[in-house]
Amino acid sequence: MMNVEFMMQYTTYFLMAVGVLAFLVSAIVQAIKELPGLQRVPTSVVALAVSLILCPLAVVIACQYLKLVVTWYYVFASFIAAFIVYLVATGGWERVAKLWERAKYRNK
């Protein structure tokens, strides 16, 4: 059974990972968006593609580092996290915070 302290610790790790991956996605997109084949492609599409490649790669690297077995649900979760990383990389924290405010429970 997980207590609140562990949940807060894992939430902090997740937010840290999202921030680092969003920075990496932004830096990679800025570096490659002027390549000859990518000039006509919208920047947001390039950012999504980079995020969908980088997040599963980060999960595999983390599993290797932590000596964990890579399972299908880790990879699946990394693709879901890739969309969050994409949102943060392209729209910033404000868009994610706005979505959180709309979705969170309000006591009436």
N, C-alpha and C. Protein backbone atom coordinates (compact mmCIF):
# COMPACT_ATOMS: atom_id res chain seq x y z
N MET A 1 0.84 -1.18 0.00
CA MET A 1 0.00 0.00 0.00
C MET A 1 0.89 1.25 0.00
N MET A 2 0.53 2.20 -0.83
CA MET A 2 1.32 3.42 -0.94
C MET A 2 0.75 4.50 -0.02
N ASN A 3 1.64 5.19 0.63
CA ASN A 3 1.18 6.30 1.45
C ASN A 3 1.39 7.61 0.70
N VAL A 4 0.98 8.70 1.31
CA VAL A 4 1.02 10.00 0.66
C VAL A 4 2.45 10.44 0.37
N GLU A 5 3.37 10.10 1.26
CA GLU A 5 4.76 10.50 1.05
C GLU A 5 5.35 9.89 -0.22
N PHE A 6 5.07 8.60 -0.45
CA PHE A 6 5.56 7.96 -1.66
C PHE A 6 4.89 8.54 -2.90
N MET A 7 3.59 8.84 -2.80
CA MET A 7 2.88 9.42 -3.94
C MET A 7 3.46 10.79 -4.30
N MET A 8 3.75 11.60 -3.30
CA MET A 8 4.34 12.91 -3.56
C MET A 8 5.74 12.77 -4.16
N GLN A 9 6.49 11.80 -3.69
CA GLN A 9 7.83 11.58 -4.21
C GLN A 9 7.77 11.16 -5.69
N TYR A 10 6.88 10.24 -6.02
CA TYR A 10 6.75 9.80 -7.41
C TYR A 10 6.20 10.91 -8.31
N THR A 11 5.29 11.73 -7.76
CA THR A 11 4.76 12.86 -8.53
C THR A 11 5.87 13.86 -8.82
N THR A 12 6.73 14.10 -7.85
CA THR A 12 7.86 15.00 -8.05
C THR A 12 8.81 14.46 -9.11
N TYR A 13 9.10 13.15 -9.05
CA TYR A 13 9.96 12.54 -10.07
C TYR A 13 9.34 12.66 -11.46
N PHE A 14 8.03 12.44 -11.54
CA PHE A 14 7.35 12.52 -12.83
C PHE A 14 7.41 13.94 -13.39
N LEU A 15 7.15 14.94 -12.55
CA LEU A 15 7.19 16.33 -13.02
C LEU A 15 8.61 16.74 -13.42
N MET A 16 9.60 16.24 -12.69
CA MET A 16 10.99 16.51 -13.05
C MET A 16 11.31 15.89 -14.41
N ALA A 17 10.88 14.66 -14.62
CA ALA A 17 11.13 13.98 -15.89
C ALA A 17 10.44 14.70 -17.04
N VAL A 18 9.21 15.14 -16.82
CA VAL A 18 8.48 15.88 -17.86
C VAL A 18 9.21 17.17 -18.20
N GLY A 19 9.69 17.88 -17.19
CA GLY A 19 10.41 19.12 -17.44
C GLY A 19 11.70 18.91 -18.22
N VAL A 20 12.47 17.91 -17.82
CA VAL A 20 13.73 17.62 -18.52
C VAL A 20 13.46 17.16 -19.94
N LEU A 21 12.49 16.28 -20.12
CA LEU A 21 12.18 15.79 -21.47
C LEU A 21 11.61 16.91 -22.35
N ALA A 22 10.80 17.80 -21.78
CA ALA A 22 10.27 18.92 -22.56
C ALA A 22 11.40 19.85 -23.00
N PHE A 23 12.36 20.09 -22.11
CA PHE A 23 13.52 20.90 -22.49
C PHE A 23 14.30 20.23 -23.62
N LEU A 24 14.52 18.92 -23.51
CA LEU A 24 15.25 18.20 -24.56
C LEU A 24 14.50 18.22 -25.89
N VAL A 25 13.18 18.05 -25.83
CA VAL A 25 12.37 18.11 -27.06
C VAL A 25 12.49 19.48 -27.70
N SER A 26 12.38 20.53 -26.90
CA SER A 26 12.49 21.89 -27.44
C SER A 26 13.87 22.13 -28.05
N ALA A 27 14.92 21.69 -27.37
CA ALA A 27 16.28 21.90 -27.88
C ALA A 27 16.51 21.11 -29.17
N ILE A 28 16.03 19.87 -29.22
CA ILE A 28 16.22 19.05 -30.42
C ILE A 28 15.43 19.64 -31.59
N VAL A 29 14.20 20.08 -31.33
CA VAL A 29 13.38 20.66 -32.40
C VAL A 29 14.02 21.93 -32.93
N GLN A 30 14.54 22.77 -32.05
CA GLN A 30 15.21 23.99 -32.50
C GLN A 30 16.44 23.66 -33.35
N ALA A 31 17.10 22.57 -33.03
CA ALA A 31 18.31 22.20 -33.77
C ALA A 31 18.00 21.58 -35.12
N ILE A 32 16.89 20.84 -35.23
CA ILE A 32 16.65 20.10 -36.48
C ILE A 32 15.57 20.71 -37.37
N LYS A 33 14.85 21.72 -36.90
CA LYS A 33 13.71 22.20 -37.71
C LYS A 33 14.12 22.89 -39.01
N GLU A 34 15.38 23.29 -39.13
CA GLU A 34 15.84 23.92 -40.37
C GLU A 34 16.52 22.94 -41.32
N LEU A 35 16.47 21.67 -41.02
CA LEU A 35 17.03 20.68 -41.94
C LEU A 35 16.21 20.67 -43.22
N PRO A 36 16.85 20.34 -44.34
CA PRO A 36 16.15 20.45 -45.63
C PRO A 36 14.83 19.69 -45.72
N GLY A 37 14.73 18.51 -45.16
CA GLY A 37 13.48 17.75 -45.26
C GLY A 37 12.40 18.19 -44.30
N LEU A 38 12.75 18.96 -43.28
CA LEU A 38 11.80 19.33 -42.25
C LEU A 38 11.33 20.78 -42.32
N GLN A 39 11.77 21.54 -43.32
CA GLN A 39 11.39 22.95 -43.40
C GLN A 39 9.91 23.14 -43.69
N ARG A 40 9.31 22.24 -44.44
CA ARG A 40 7.89 22.38 -44.78
C ARG A 40 6.96 21.77 -43.74
N VAL A 41 7.51 20.97 -42.84
CA VAL A 41 6.70 20.32 -41.81
C VAL A 41 6.48 21.30 -40.66
N PRO A 42 5.24 21.42 -40.15
CA PRO A 42 5.00 22.33 -39.02
C PRO A 42 5.85 21.94 -37.80
N THR A 43 6.27 22.93 -37.07
CA THR A 43 7.13 22.71 -35.91
C THR A 43 6.45 21.84 -34.87
N SER A 44 5.15 21.99 -34.69
CA SER A 44 4.44 21.18 -33.69
C SER A 44 4.44 19.70 -34.06
N VAL A 45 4.39 19.39 -35.34
CA VAL A 45 4.44 17.99 -35.78
C VAL A 45 5.83 17.41 -35.51
N VAL A 46 6.86 18.20 -35.78
CA VAL A 46 8.23 17.76 -35.49
C VAL A 46 8.39 17.55 -33.99
N ALA A 47 7.83 18.44 -33.17
CA ALA A 47 7.93 18.31 -31.71
C ALA A 47 7.21 17.06 -31.22
N LEU A 48 6.06 16.76 -31.80
CA LEU A 48 5.34 15.55 -31.42
C LEU A 48 6.14 14.30 -31.79
N ALA A 49 6.71 14.29 -32.98
CA ALA A 49 7.50 13.14 -33.41
C ALA A 49 8.73 12.94 -32.51
N VAL A 50 9.40 14.03 -32.19
CA VAL A 50 10.58 13.94 -31.31
C VAL A 50 10.16 13.45 -29.93
N SER A 51 9.03 13.93 -29.43
CA SER A 51 8.55 13.50 -28.12
C SER A 51 8.18 12.02 -28.12
N LEU A 52 7.54 11.55 -29.21
CA LEU A 52 7.16 10.14 -29.30
C LEU A 52 8.37 9.22 -29.45
N ILE A 53 9.49 9.75 -29.89
CA ILE A 53 10.72 8.96 -29.96
C ILE A 53 11.49 9.05 -28.65
N LEU A 54 11.58 10.25 -28.09
CA LEU A 54 12.42 10.48 -26.91
C LEU A 54 11.86 9.85 -25.63
N CYS A 55 10.56 9.89 -25.44
CA CYS A 55 9.99 9.37 -24.19
C CYS A 55 10.15 7.86 -24.03
N PRO A 56 9.80 7.04 -25.03
CA PRO A 56 10.07 5.61 -24.87
C PRO A 56 11.56 5.30 -24.73
N LEU A 57 12.39 6.05 -25.43
CA LEU A 57 13.83 5.87 -25.29
C LEU A 57 14.28 6.18 -23.87
N ALA A 58 13.73 7.22 -23.28
CA ALA A 58 14.07 7.57 -21.90
C ALA A 58 13.62 6.49 -20.93
N VAL A 59 12.46 5.89 -21.18
CA VAL A 59 11.99 4.81 -20.31
C VAL A 59 12.90 3.59 -20.40
N VAL A 60 13.32 3.25 -21.61
CA VAL A 60 14.22 2.10 -21.78
C VAL A 60 15.55 2.37 -21.09
N ILE A 61 16.08 3.58 -21.23
CA ILE A 61 17.34 3.94 -20.56
C ILE A 61 17.18 3.90 -19.04
N ALA A 62 16.06 4.42 -18.54
CA ALA A 62 15.82 4.39 -17.10
C ALA A 62 15.70 2.96 -16.58
N CYS A 63 15.02 2.11 -17.33
CA CYS A 63 14.90 0.70 -16.93
C CYS A 63 16.26 0.01 -16.92
N GLN A 64 17.10 0.32 -17.89
CA GLN A 64 18.43 -0.27 -17.91
C GLN A 64 19.25 0.22 -16.72
N TYR A 65 19.14 1.50 -16.41
CA TYR A 65 19.89 2.08 -15.31
C TYR A 65 19.43 1.51 -13.97
N LEU A 66 18.12 1.36 -13.81
CA LEU A 66 17.56 0.84 -12.56
C LEU A 66 17.50 -0.68 -12.51
N LYS A 67 17.97 -1.33 -13.58
CA LYS A 67 17.99 -2.79 -13.69
C LYS A 67 16.58 -3.38 -13.56
N LEU A 68 15.64 -2.74 -14.26
CA LEU A 68 14.27 -3.22 -14.33
C LEU A 68 14.02 -3.86 -15.68
N VAL A 69 13.07 -4.76 -15.73
CA VAL A 69 12.68 -5.37 -16.99
C VAL A 69 11.70 -4.43 -17.69
N VAL A 70 11.94 -4.17 -18.96
CA VAL A 70 11.05 -3.30 -19.74
C VAL A 70 9.79 -4.11 -20.07
N THR A 71 8.66 -3.66 -19.58
CA THR A 71 7.40 -4.35 -19.84
C THR A 71 6.53 -3.49 -20.75
N TRP A 72 5.48 -4.09 -21.28
CA TRP A 72 4.65 -3.40 -22.25
C TRP A 72 3.98 -2.18 -21.64
N TYR A 73 3.59 -2.23 -20.37
CA TYR A 73 2.88 -1.09 -19.79
C TYR A 73 3.82 0.08 -19.51
N TYR A 74 5.12 -0.17 -19.34
CA TYR A 74 6.07 0.94 -19.26
C TYR A 74 6.12 1.69 -20.59
N VAL A 75 6.18 0.92 -21.66
CA VAL A 75 6.25 1.52 -23.00
C VAL A 75 4.95 2.25 -23.31
N PHE A 76 3.82 1.64 -22.97
CA PHE A 76 2.53 2.27 -23.19
C PHE A 76 2.42 3.58 -22.42
N ALA A 77 2.83 3.56 -21.16
CA ALA A 77 2.79 4.77 -20.33
C ALA A 77 3.73 5.85 -20.89
N SER A 78 4.84 5.42 -21.49
CA SER A 78 5.76 6.40 -22.06
C SER A 78 5.14 7.12 -23.25
N PHE A 79 4.29 6.42 -24.01
CA PHE A 79 3.61 7.09 -25.13
C PHE A 79 2.57 8.08 -24.63
N ILE A 80 1.90 7.76 -23.53
CA ILE A 80 0.96 8.71 -22.94
C ILE A 80 1.73 9.91 -22.39
N ALA A 81 2.84 9.64 -21.71
CA ALA A 81 3.67 10.74 -21.19
C ALA A 81 4.24 11.59 -22.32
N ALA A 82 4.46 10.99 -23.49
CA ALA A 82 5.00 11.74 -24.62
C ALA A 82 4.07 12.87 -25.03
N PHE A 83 2.76 12.65 -24.93
CA PHE A 83 1.82 13.72 -25.27
C PHE A 83 1.86 14.84 -24.23
N ILE A 84 2.06 14.49 -22.97
CA ILE A 84 2.20 15.51 -21.93
C ILE A 84 3.48 16.31 -22.16
N VAL A 85 4.56 15.61 -22.48
CA VAL A 85 5.83 16.28 -22.77
C VAL A 85 5.68 17.19 -23.99
N TYR A 86 4.97 16.72 -25.00
CA TYR A 86 4.72 17.53 -26.19
C TYR A 86 3.95 18.80 -25.84
N LEU A 87 2.90 18.66 -25.01
CA LEU A 87 2.12 19.83 -24.60
C LEU A 87 2.98 20.84 -23.86
N VAL A 88 3.81 20.36 -22.95
CA VAL A 88 4.67 21.26 -22.18
C VAL A 88 5.71 21.90 -23.09
N ALA A 89 6.28 21.13 -24.01
CA ALA A 89 7.33 21.65 -24.89
C ALA A 89 6.79 22.69 -25.86
N THR A 90 5.56 22.53 -26.32
CA THR A 90 5.04 23.45 -27.32
C THR A 90 4.19 24.56 -26.73
N GLY A 91 3.47 24.29 -25.65
CA GLY A 91 2.57 25.29 -25.11
C GLY A 91 2.96 25.83 -23.76
N GLY A 92 3.93 25.20 -23.18
CA GLY A 92 4.37 25.65 -21.87
C GLY A 92 3.51 25.12 -20.74
N TRP A 93 3.93 25.46 -19.53
CA TRP A 93 3.23 25.00 -18.34
C TRP A 93 1.85 25.63 -18.22
N GLU A 94 1.64 26.80 -18.83
CA GLU A 94 0.36 27.48 -18.68
C GLU A 94 -0.78 26.65 -19.25
N ARG A 95 -0.56 26.02 -20.42
CA ARG A 95 -1.61 25.21 -21.02
C ARG A 95 -1.92 23.99 -20.16
N VAL A 96 -0.89 23.34 -19.62
CA VAL A 96 -1.10 22.18 -18.77
C VAL A 96 -1.80 22.59 -17.47
N ALA A 97 -1.41 23.73 -16.91
CA ALA A 97 -2.05 24.22 -15.69
C ALA A 97 -3.51 24.56 -15.95
N LYS A 98 -3.81 25.11 -17.10
CA LYS A 98 -5.19 25.45 -17.45
C LYS A 98 -6.04 24.18 -17.58
N LEU A 99 -5.47 23.14 -18.19
CA LEU A 99 -6.18 21.86 -18.29
C LEU A 99 -6.40 21.25 -16.90
N TRP A 100 -5.40 21.37 -16.04
CA TRP A 100 -5.53 20.85 -14.67
C TRP A 100 -6.62 21.58 -13.92
N GLU A 101 -6.68 22.90 -14.06
CA GLU A 101 -7.69 23.70 -13.36
C GLU A 101 -9.10 23.33 -13.83
N ARG A 102 -9.25 23.08 -15.11
CA ARG A 102 -10.56 22.70 -15.63
C ARG A 102 -10.98 21.32 -15.16
N ALA A 103 -10.01 20.41 -15.01
CA ALA A 103 -10.34 19.01 -14.71
C ALA A 103 -10.39 18.69 -13.22
N LYS A 104 -9.82 19.53 -12.37
CA LYS A 104 -9.74 19.14 -10.96
C LYS A 104 -11.08 19.29 -10.25
N TYR A 105 -11.19 18.56 -9.17
CA TYR A 105 -12.42 18.55 -8.36
C TYR A 105 -12.59 19.86 -7.63
N ARG A 106 -13.81 20.38 -7.65
CA ARG A 106 -14.11 21.61 -6.93
C ARG A 106 -15.17 21.31 -5.87
N ASN A 107 -14.92 21.76 -4.67
CA ASN A 107 -15.88 21.56 -3.58
C ASN A 107 -16.90 22.70 -3.63
N LYS A 108 -18.16 22.35 -3.79
CA LYS A 108 -19.19 23.39 -3.96
C LYS A 108 -19.95 23.63 -2.69
